PDB file of N, CA and C in Angstrom:
ATOM      1  N   MET A   1     207.260  87.123  36.954  1.00  0.00           N
ATOM      2  CA  MET A   1     206.095  86.294  36.816  1.00  0.00           C
ATOM      3  C   MET A   1     206.301  84.945  37.521  1.00  0.00           C
ATOM      4  N   LEU A   2     207.469  84.336  37.293  1.00  0.00           N
ATOM      5  CA  LEU A   2     207.726  83.050  37.942  1.00  0.00           C
ATOM      6  C   LEU A   2     207.829  83.192  39.460  1.00  0.00           C
ATOM      7  N   ALA A   3     208.409  84.297  39.919  1.00  0.00           N
ATOM      8  CA  ALA A   3     208.505  84.522  41.364  1.00  0.00           C
ATOM      9  C   ALA A   3     207.116  84.682  41.974  1.00  0.00           C
ATOM     10  N   TYR A   4     206.218  85.330  41.263  1.00  0.00           N
ATOM     11  CA  TYR A   4     204.840  85.496  41.749  1.00  0.00           C
ATOM     12  C   TYR A   4     204.148  84.136  41.840  1.00  0.00           C
ATOM     13  N   ILE A   5     204.295  83.318  40.809  1.00  0.00           N
ATOM     14  CA  ILE A   5     203.673  81.995  40.823  1.00  0.00           C
ATOM     15  C   ILE A   5     204.245  81.144  41.957  1.00  0.00           C
ATOM     16  N   LEU A   6     205.558  81.218  42.163  1.00  0.00           N
ATOM     17  CA  LEU A   6     206.174  80.479  43.255  1.00  0.00           C
ATOM     18  C   LEU A   6     205.648  80.958  44.608  1.00  0.00           C
ATOM     19  N   ALA A   7     205.540  82.269  44.787  1.00  0.00           N
ATOM     20  CA  ALA A   7     205.041  82.823  46.056  1.00  0.00           C
ATOM     21  C   ALA A   7     203.594  82.408  46.314  1.00  0.00           C
ATOM     22  N   VAL A   8     202.756  82.447  45.279  1.00  0.00           N
ATOM     23  CA  VAL A   8     201.349  82.063  45.441  1.00  0.00           C
ATOM     24  C   VAL A   8     201.251  80.568  45.753  1.00  0.00           C
ATOM     25  N   THR A   9     202.046  79.764  45.103  1.00  0.00           N
ATOM     26  CA  THR A   9     202.017  78.322  45.356  1.00  0.00           C
ATOM     27  C   THR A   9     202.471  77.996  46.767  1.00  0.00           C
ATOM     28  N   VAL A  10     203.549  78.619  47.209  1.00  0.00           N
ATOM     29  CA  VAL A  10     204.041  78.377  48.574  1.00  0.00           C
ATOM     30  C   VAL A  10     203.020  78.853  49.598  1.00  0.00           C
ATOM     31  N   ALA A  11     202.400  79.998  49.366  1.00  0.00           N
ATOM     32  CA  ALA A  11     201.375  80.489  50.294  1.00  0.00           C
ATOM     33  C   ALA A  11     200.192  79.524  50.355  1.00  0.00           C
ATOM     34  N   GLY A  12     199.791  78.986  49.220  1.00  0.00           N
ATOM     35  CA  GLY A  12     198.698  78.010  49.214  1.00  0.00           C
ATOM     36  C   GLY A  12     199.067  76.736  49.942  1.00  0.00           C
ATOM     37  N   LEU A  13     200.302  76.289  49.781  1.00  0.00           N
ATOM     38  CA  LEU A  13     200.744  75.085  50.484  1.00  0.00           C
ATOM     39  C   LEU A  13     200.834  75.301  51.990  1.00  0.00           C
ATOM     40  N   LEU A  14     201.173  76.499  52.403  1.00  0.00           N
ATOM     41  CA  LEU A  14     201.254  76.785  53.835  1.00  0.00           C
ATOM     42  C   LEU A  14     199.869  76.865  54.472  1.00  0.00           C
ATOM     43  N   LYS A  15     198.871  77.334  53.721  1.00  0.00           N
ATOM     44  CA  LYS A  15     197.518  77.491  54.273  1.00  0.00           C
ATOM     45  C   LYS A  15     196.771  76.167  54.357  1.00  0.00           C
ATOM     46  N   ALA A  16     196.853  75.330  53.339  1.00  0.00           N
ATOM     47  CA  ALA A  16     196.100  74.076  53.306  1.00  0.00           C
ATOM     48  C   ALA A  16     196.997  72.927  53.743  1.00  0.00           C
ATOM     49  N   PRO A  17     196.675  72.279  54.855  1.00  0.00           N
ATOM     50  CA  PRO A  17     197.509  71.162  55.300  1.00  0.00           C
ATOM     51  C   PRO A  17     197.381  69.971  54.359  1.00  0.00           C
ATOM     52  N   TYR A  18     198.400  69.167  54.319  1.00  0.00           N
ATOM     53  CA  TYR A  18     198.464  67.988  53.463  1.00  0.00           C
ATOM     54  C   TYR A  18     197.762  66.835  54.158  1.00  0.00           C
ATOM     55  N   GLU A  19     196.732  66.297  53.521  1.00  0.00           N
ATOM     56  CA  GLU A  19     195.939  65.205  54.091  1.00  0.00           C
ATOM     57  C   GLU A  19     195.455  65.614  55.485  1.00  0.00           C
ATOM     58  N   ARG A  20     195.684  64.766  56.474  1.00  0.00           N
ATOM     59  CA  ARG A  20     195.249  65.093  57.842  1.00  0.00           C
ATOM     60  C   ARG A  20     196.430  65.247  58.787  1.00  0.00           C
ATOM     61  N   TYR A  21     197.611  65.519  58.234  1.00  0.00           N
ATOM     62  CA  TYR A  21     198.775  65.696  59.086  1.00  0.00           C
ATOM     63  C   TYR A  21     198.698  67.026  59.821  1.00  0.00           C
ATOM     64  N   SER A  22     199.263  67.037  61.010  1.00  0.00           N
ATOM     65  CA  SER A  22     199.239  68.272  61.792  1.00  0.00           C
ATOM     66  C   SER A  22     200.198  69.293  61.175  1.00  0.00           C
ATOM     67  N   PRO A  23     199.892  70.581  61.324  1.00  0.00           N
ATOM     68  CA  PRO A  23     200.780  71.604  60.789  1.00  0.00           C
ATOM     69  C   PRO A  23     202.180  71.561  61.407  1.00  0.00           C
ATOM     70  N   ALA A  24     202.280  71.126  62.662  1.00  0.00           N
ATOM     71  CA  ALA A  24     203.598  71.027  63.301  1.00  0.00           C
ATOM     72  C   ALA A  24     204.455  69.955  62.615  1.00  0.00           C
ATOM     73  N   LEU A  25     203.851  68.830  62.285  1.00  0.00           N
ATOM     74  CA  LEU A  25     204.585  67.770  61.608  1.00  0.00           C
ATOM     75  C   LEU A  25     204.984  68.208  60.201  1.00  0.00           C
ATOM     76  N   LEU A  26     204.090  68.880  59.513  1.00  0.00           N
ATOM     77  CA  LEU A  26     204.422  69.381  58.177  1.00  0.00           C
ATOM     78  C   LEU A  26     205.543  70.405  58.238  1.00  0.00           C
ATOM     79  N   GLY A  27     205.499  71.267  59.238  1.00  0.00           N
ATOM     80  CA  GLY A  27     206.544  72.278  59.370  1.00  0.00           C
ATOM     81  C   GLY A  27     207.895  71.673  59.677  1.00  0.00           C
ATOM     82  N   LEU A  28     207.896  70.665  60.529  1.00  0.00           N
ATOM     83  CA  LEU A  28     209.167  70.055  60.924  1.00  0.00           C
ATOM     84  C   LEU A  28     209.699  69.118  59.844  1.00  0.00           C
ATOM     85  N   ALA A  29     208.893  68.186  59.414  1.00  0.00           N
ATOM     86  CA  ALA A  29     209.371  67.169  58.473  1.00  0.00           C
ATOM     87  C   ALA A  29     209.425  67.687  57.045  1.00  0.00           C
ATOM     88  N   GLY A  30     208.452  68.458  56.633  1.00  0.00           N
ATOM     89  CA  GLY A  30     208.406  68.925  55.251  1.00  0.00           C
ATOM     90  C   GLY A  30     209.258  70.153  55.003  1.00  0.00           C
ATOM     91  N   TRP A  31     208.811  71.268  55.551  1.00  0.00           N
ATOM     92  CA  TRP A  31     209.520  72.533  55.318  1.00  0.00           C
ATOM     93  C   TRP A  31     210.857  72.559  56.043  1.00  0.00           C
ATOM     94  N   GLY A  32     210.960  71.878  57.161  1.00  0.00           N
ATOM     95  CA  GLY A  32     212.231  71.824  57.879  1.00  0.00           C
ATOM     96  C   GLY A  32     213.303  71.115  57.071  1.00  0.00           C
ATOM     97  N   SER A  33     212.920  70.035  56.386  1.00  0.00           N
ATOM     98  CA  SER A  33     213.908  69.325  55.568  1.00  0.00           C
ATOM     99  C   SER A  33     214.321  70.161  54.360  1.00  0.00           C
ATOM    100  N   ILE A  34     213.400  70.928  53.805  1.00  0.00           N
ATOM    101  CA  ILE A  34     213.749  71.812  52.685  1.00  0.00           C
ATOM    102  C   ILE A  34     214.722  72.892  53.153  1.00  0.00           C
ATOM    103  N   LEU A  35     214.443  73.487  54.295  1.00  0.00           N
ATOM    104  CA  LEU A  35     215.348  74.511  54.835  1.00  0.00           C
ATOM    105  C   LEU A  35     216.696  73.916  55.226  1.00  0.00           C
ATOM    106  N   ALA A  36     216.695  72.694  55.757  1.00  0.00           N
ATOM    107  CA  ALA A  36     217.963  72.052  56.122  1.00  0.00           C
ATOM    108  C   ALA A  36     218.809  71.776  54.882  1.00  0.00           C
ATOM    109  N   CYS A  37     218.180  71.344  53.789  1.00  0.00           N
ATOM    110  CA  CYS A  37     218.924  71.102  52.543  1.00  0.00           C
ATOM    111  C   CYS A  37     219.475  72.403  51.981  1.00  0.00           C
ATOM    112  N   ALA A  38     218.697  73.471  52.039  1.00  0.00           N
ATOM    113  CA  ALA A  38     219.171  74.761  51.544  1.00  0.00           C
ATOM    114  C   ALA A  38     220.338  75.269  52.391  1.00  0.00           C
ATOM    115  N   ALA A  39     220.236  75.127  53.710  1.00  0.00           N
ATOM    116  CA  ALA A  39     221.325  75.563  54.587  1.00  0.00           C
ATOM    117  C   ALA A  39     222.577  74.717  54.367  1.00  0.00           C
ATOM    118  N   ALA A  40     222.407  73.400  54.226  1.00  0.00           N
ATOM    119  CA  ALA A  40     223.563  72.530  54.004  1.00  0.00           C
ATOM    120  C   ALA A  40     224.234  72.850  52.675  1.00  0.00           C
ATOM    121  N   SER A  41     223.450  73.134  51.649  1.00  0.00           N
ATOM    122  CA  SER A  41     224.061  73.456  50.353  1.00  0.00           C
ATOM    123  C   SER A  41     224.815  74.779  50.420  1.00  0.00           C
ATOM    124  N   ALA A  42     224.303  75.753  51.167  1.00  0.00           N
ATOM    125  CA  ALA A  42     225.002  77.027  51.308  1.00  0.00           C
ATOM    126  C   ALA A  42     226.301  76.852  52.091  1.00  0.00           C
ATOM    127  N   ILE A  43     226.259  76.065  53.151  1.00  0.00           N
ATOM    128  CA  ILE A  43     227.456  75.852  53.978  1.00  0.00           C
ATOM    129  C   ILE A  43     228.509  75.063  53.214  1.00  0.00           C
ATOM    130  N   LEU A  44     228.095  73.987  52.528  1.00  0.00           N
ATOM    131  CA  LEU A  44     229.052  73.163  51.791  1.00  0.00           C
ATOM    132  C   LEU A  44     229.650  73.914  50.612  1.00  0.00           C
ATOM    133  N   THR A  45     228.919  74.864  50.062  1.00  0.00           N
ATOM    134  CA  THR A  45     229.452  75.670  48.973  1.00  0.00           C
ATOM    135  C   THR A  45     230.568  76.587  49.464  1.00  0.00           C
ATOM    136  N   LEU A  46     230.454  77.067  50.678  1.00  0.00           N
ATOM    137  CA  LEU A  46     231.428  78.011  51.214  1.00  0.00           C
ATOM    138  C   LEU A  46     232.673  77.348  51.801  1.00  0.00           C
ATOM    139  N   LEU A  47     232.636  76.038  52.024  1.00  0.00           N
ATOM    140  CA  LEU A  47     233.789  75.350  52.597  1.00  0.00           C
ATOM    141  C   LEU A  47     234.949  75.338  51.610  1.00  0.00           C
ATOM    142  N   ALA A  48     236.150  75.409  52.153  1.00  0.00           N
ATOM    143  CA  ALA A  48     237.351  75.389  51.306  1.00  0.00           C
ATOM    144  C   ALA A  48     237.661  73.953  50.899  1.00  0.00           C
ATOM    145  N   TRP A  49     238.351  73.818  49.784  1.00  0.00           N
ATOM    146  CA  TRP A  49     238.789  72.498  49.331  1.00  0.00           C
ATOM    147  C   TRP A  49     239.877  72.001  50.265  1.00  0.00           C
ATOM    148  N   ARG A  50     239.946  70.697  50.463  1.00  0.00           N
ATOM    149  CA  ARG A  50     240.985  70.135  51.321  1.00  0.00           C
ATOM    150  C   ARG A  50     242.328  70.113  50.612  1.00  0.00           C
ATOM    151  N   ARG A  51     242.298  69.929  49.311  1.00  0.00           N
ATOM    152  CA  ARG A  51     243.530  69.886  48.525  1.00  0.00           C
ATOM    153  C   ARG A  51     243.408  70.889  47.385  1.00  0.00           C
ATOM    154  N   ASP A  52     244.532  71.150  46.763  1.00  0.00           N
ATOM    155  CA  ASP A  52     244.529  72.031  45.605  1.00  0.00           C
ATOM    156  C   ASP A  52     243.839  71.301  44.456  1.00  0.00           C
ATOM    157  N   ARG A  53     242.708  71.796  44.017  1.00  0.00           N
ATOM    158  CA  ARG A  53     241.944  71.101  42.993  1.00  0.00           C
ATOM    159  C   ARG A  53     242.591  71.189  41.623  1.00  0.00           C
ATOM    160  N   LEU A  54     243.537  72.095  41.432  1.00  0.00           N
ATOM    161  CA  LEU A  54     244.218  72.197  40.149  1.00  0.00           C
ATOM    162  C   LEU A  54     245.394  71.226  40.044  1.00  0.00           C
ATOM    163  N   ALA A  55     245.820  70.648  41.168  1.00  0.00           N
ATOM    164  CA  ALA A  55     246.936  69.711  41.171  1.00  0.00           C
ATOM    165  C   ALA A  55     246.429  68.275  41.140  1.00  0.00           C
ATOM    166  N   PHE A  56     245.317  68.041  40.470  1.00  0.00           N
ATOM    167  CA  PHE A  56     244.704  66.720  40.402  1.00  0.00           C
ATOM    168  C   PHE A  56     245.540  65.795  39.537  1.00  0.00           C
ATOM    169  N   GLU A  57     245.814  64.612  40.053  1.00  0.00           N
ATOM    170  CA  GLU A  57     246.574  63.594  39.319  1.00  0.00           C
ATOM    171  C   GLU A  57     245.638  62.415  39.072  1.00  0.00           C
ATOM    172  N   PRO A  58     245.317  62.098  37.822  1.00  0.00           N
ATOM    173  CA  PRO A  58     244.446  60.945  37.574  1.00  0.00           C
ATOM    174  C   PRO A  58     245.180  59.637  37.819  1.00  0.00           C
ATOM    175  N   TYR A  59     244.411  58.571  37.990  1.00  0.00           N
ATOM    176  CA  TYR A  59     245.015  57.255  38.144  1.00  0.00           C
ATOM    177  C   TYR A  59     245.765  56.895  36.862  1.00  0.00           C
ATOM    178  N   PRO A  60     246.805  56.077  36.975  1.00  0.00           N
ATOM    179  CA  PRO A  60     247.511  55.684  35.747  1.00  0.00           C
ATOM    180  C   PRO A  60     246.595  54.853  34.855  1.00  0.00           C
ATOM    181  N   ALA A  61     246.869  54.911  33.563  1.00  0.00           N
ATOM    182  CA  ALA A  61     246.049  54.179  32.608  1.00  0.00           C
ATOM    183  C   ALA A  61     246.260  52.680  32.772  1.00  0.00           C
ATOM    184  N   TYR A  62     245.274  51.923  32.357  1.00  0.00           N
ATOM    185  CA  TYR A  62     245.414  50.470  32.387  1.00  0.00           C
ATOM    186  C   TYR A  62     246.514  50.046  31.419  1.00  0.00           C
ATOM    187  N   PRO A  63     247.231  48.965  31.731  1.00  0.00           N
ATOM    188  CA  PRO A  63     248.250  48.496  30.779  1.00  0.00           C
ATOM    189  C   PRO A  63     247.559  47.967  29.524  1.00  0.00           C
ATOM    190  N   PRO A  64     248.251  47.977  28.401  1.00  0.00           N
ATOM    191  CA  PRO A  64     247.606  47.493  27.172  1.00  0.00           C
ATOM    192  C   PRO A  64     247.267  46.012  27.274  1.00  0.00           C
ATOM    193  N   ARG A  65     246.128  45.648  26.690  1.00  0.00           N
ATOM    194  CA  ARG A  65     245.697  44.258  26.718  1.00  0.00           C
ATOM    195  C   ARG A  65     246.501  43.467  25.694  1.00  0.00           C
ATOM    196  N   PRO A  66     246.879  42.250  26.036  1.00  0.00           N
ATOM    197  CA  PRO A  66     247.647  41.460  25.071  1.00  0.00           C
ATOM    198  C   PRO A  66     246.780  41.096  23.869  1.00  0.00           C
ATOM    199  N   GLY A  67     247.392  41.153  22.703  1.00  0.00           N
ATOM    200  CA  GLY A  67     246.699  40.807  21.479  1.00  0.00           C
ATOM    201  C   GLY A  67     246.729  39.300  21.241  1.00  0.00           C
ATOM    202  N   PRO A  68     246.235  38.857  20.086  1.00  0.00           N
ATOM    203  CA  PRO A  68     246.203  37.416  19.782  1.00  0.00           C
ATOM    204  C   PRO A  68     247.593  36.801  19.730  1.00  0.00           C
ATOM    205  N   ALA A  69     248.602  37.530  19.251  1.00  0.00           N
ATOM    206  CA  ALA A  69     249.961  36.972  19.175  1.00  0.00           C
ATOM    207  C   ALA A  69     250.529  36.739  20.563  1.00  0.00           C
ATOM    208  N   ALA A  70     250.205  37.611  21.497  1.00  0.00           N
ATOM    209  CA  ALA A  70     250.731  37.465  22.858  1.00  0.00           C
ATOM    210  C   ALA A  70     250.040  36.311  23.590  1.00  0.00           C
ATOM    211  N   ALA A  71     248.875  35.896  23.124  1.00  0.00           N
ATOM    212  CA  ALA A  71     248.148  34.811  23.785  1.00  0.00           C
ATOM    213  C   ALA A  71     248.534  33.445  23.226  1.00  0.00           C
ATOM    214  N   GLY A  72     249.547  33.362  22.354  1.00  0.00           N
ATOM    215  CA  GLY A  72     249.989  32.084  21.830  1.00  0.00           C
ATOM    216  C   GLY A  72     249.401  31.715  20.491  1.00  0.00           C
ATOM    217  N   ARG A  73     248.606  32.594  19.905  1.00  0.00           N
ATOM    218  CA  ARG A  73     248.022  32.333  18.598  1.00  0.00           C
ATOM    219  C   ARG A  73     248.724  33.185  17.556  1.00  0.00           C
ATOM    220  N   PRO A  74     248.913  32.681  16.379  1.00  0.00           N
ATOM    221  CA  PRO A  74     249.523  33.522  15.336  1.00  0.00           C
ATOM    222  C   PRO A  74     248.584  34.663  14.947  1.00  0.00           C
ATOM    223  N   GLU A  75     249.155  35.742  14.532  1.00  0.00           N
ATOM    224  CA  GLU A  75     248.366  36.919  14.157  1.00  0.00           C
ATOM    225  C   GLU A  75     247.412  36.539  13.018  1.00  0.00           C
ATOM    226  N   GLY A  76     246.125  36.778  13.223  1.00  0.00           N
ATOM    227  CA  GLY A  76     245.132  36.509  12.196  1.00  0.00           C
ATOM    228  C   GLY A  76     244.769  35.053  12.072  1.00  0.00           C
ATOM    229  N   GLY A  77     245.202  34.192  12.976  1.00  0.00           N
ATOM    230  CA  GLY A  77     244.911  32.769  12.907  1.00  0.00           C
ATOM    231  C   GLY A  77     243.504  32.439  13.364  1.00  0.00           C
ATOM    232  N   ALA A  78     243.090  31.218  13.138  1.00  0.00           N
ATOM    233  CA  ALA A  78     241.760  30.775  13.533  1.00  0.00           C
ATOM    234  C   ALA A  78     241.717  30.593  15.049  1.00  0.00           C
ATOM    235  N   ARG A  79     240.543  30.720  15.586  1.00  0.00           N
ATOM    236  CA  ARG A  79     240.401  30.588  17.035  1.00  0.00           C
ATOM    237  C   ARG A  79     239.958  29.231  17.413  1.00  0.00           C
TER     238      ARG A  79
END
């Protein structure tokens, strides 16, 4: 059912031009960009990883922040 609705919608969009733009411009800029994105996504999906993705090493953690005692104030003292 959804495939039928998609096919009917695409057929309607192909028959009726958008505003007063020429069909050549719509084909190149509109449908051409959709096809280019689909082709790029297919090609990029098939490319191999440059590195082993399972050997990922995260950045080291930030060092601990100094507490109030390390800043020269007694623990629990007034600020």
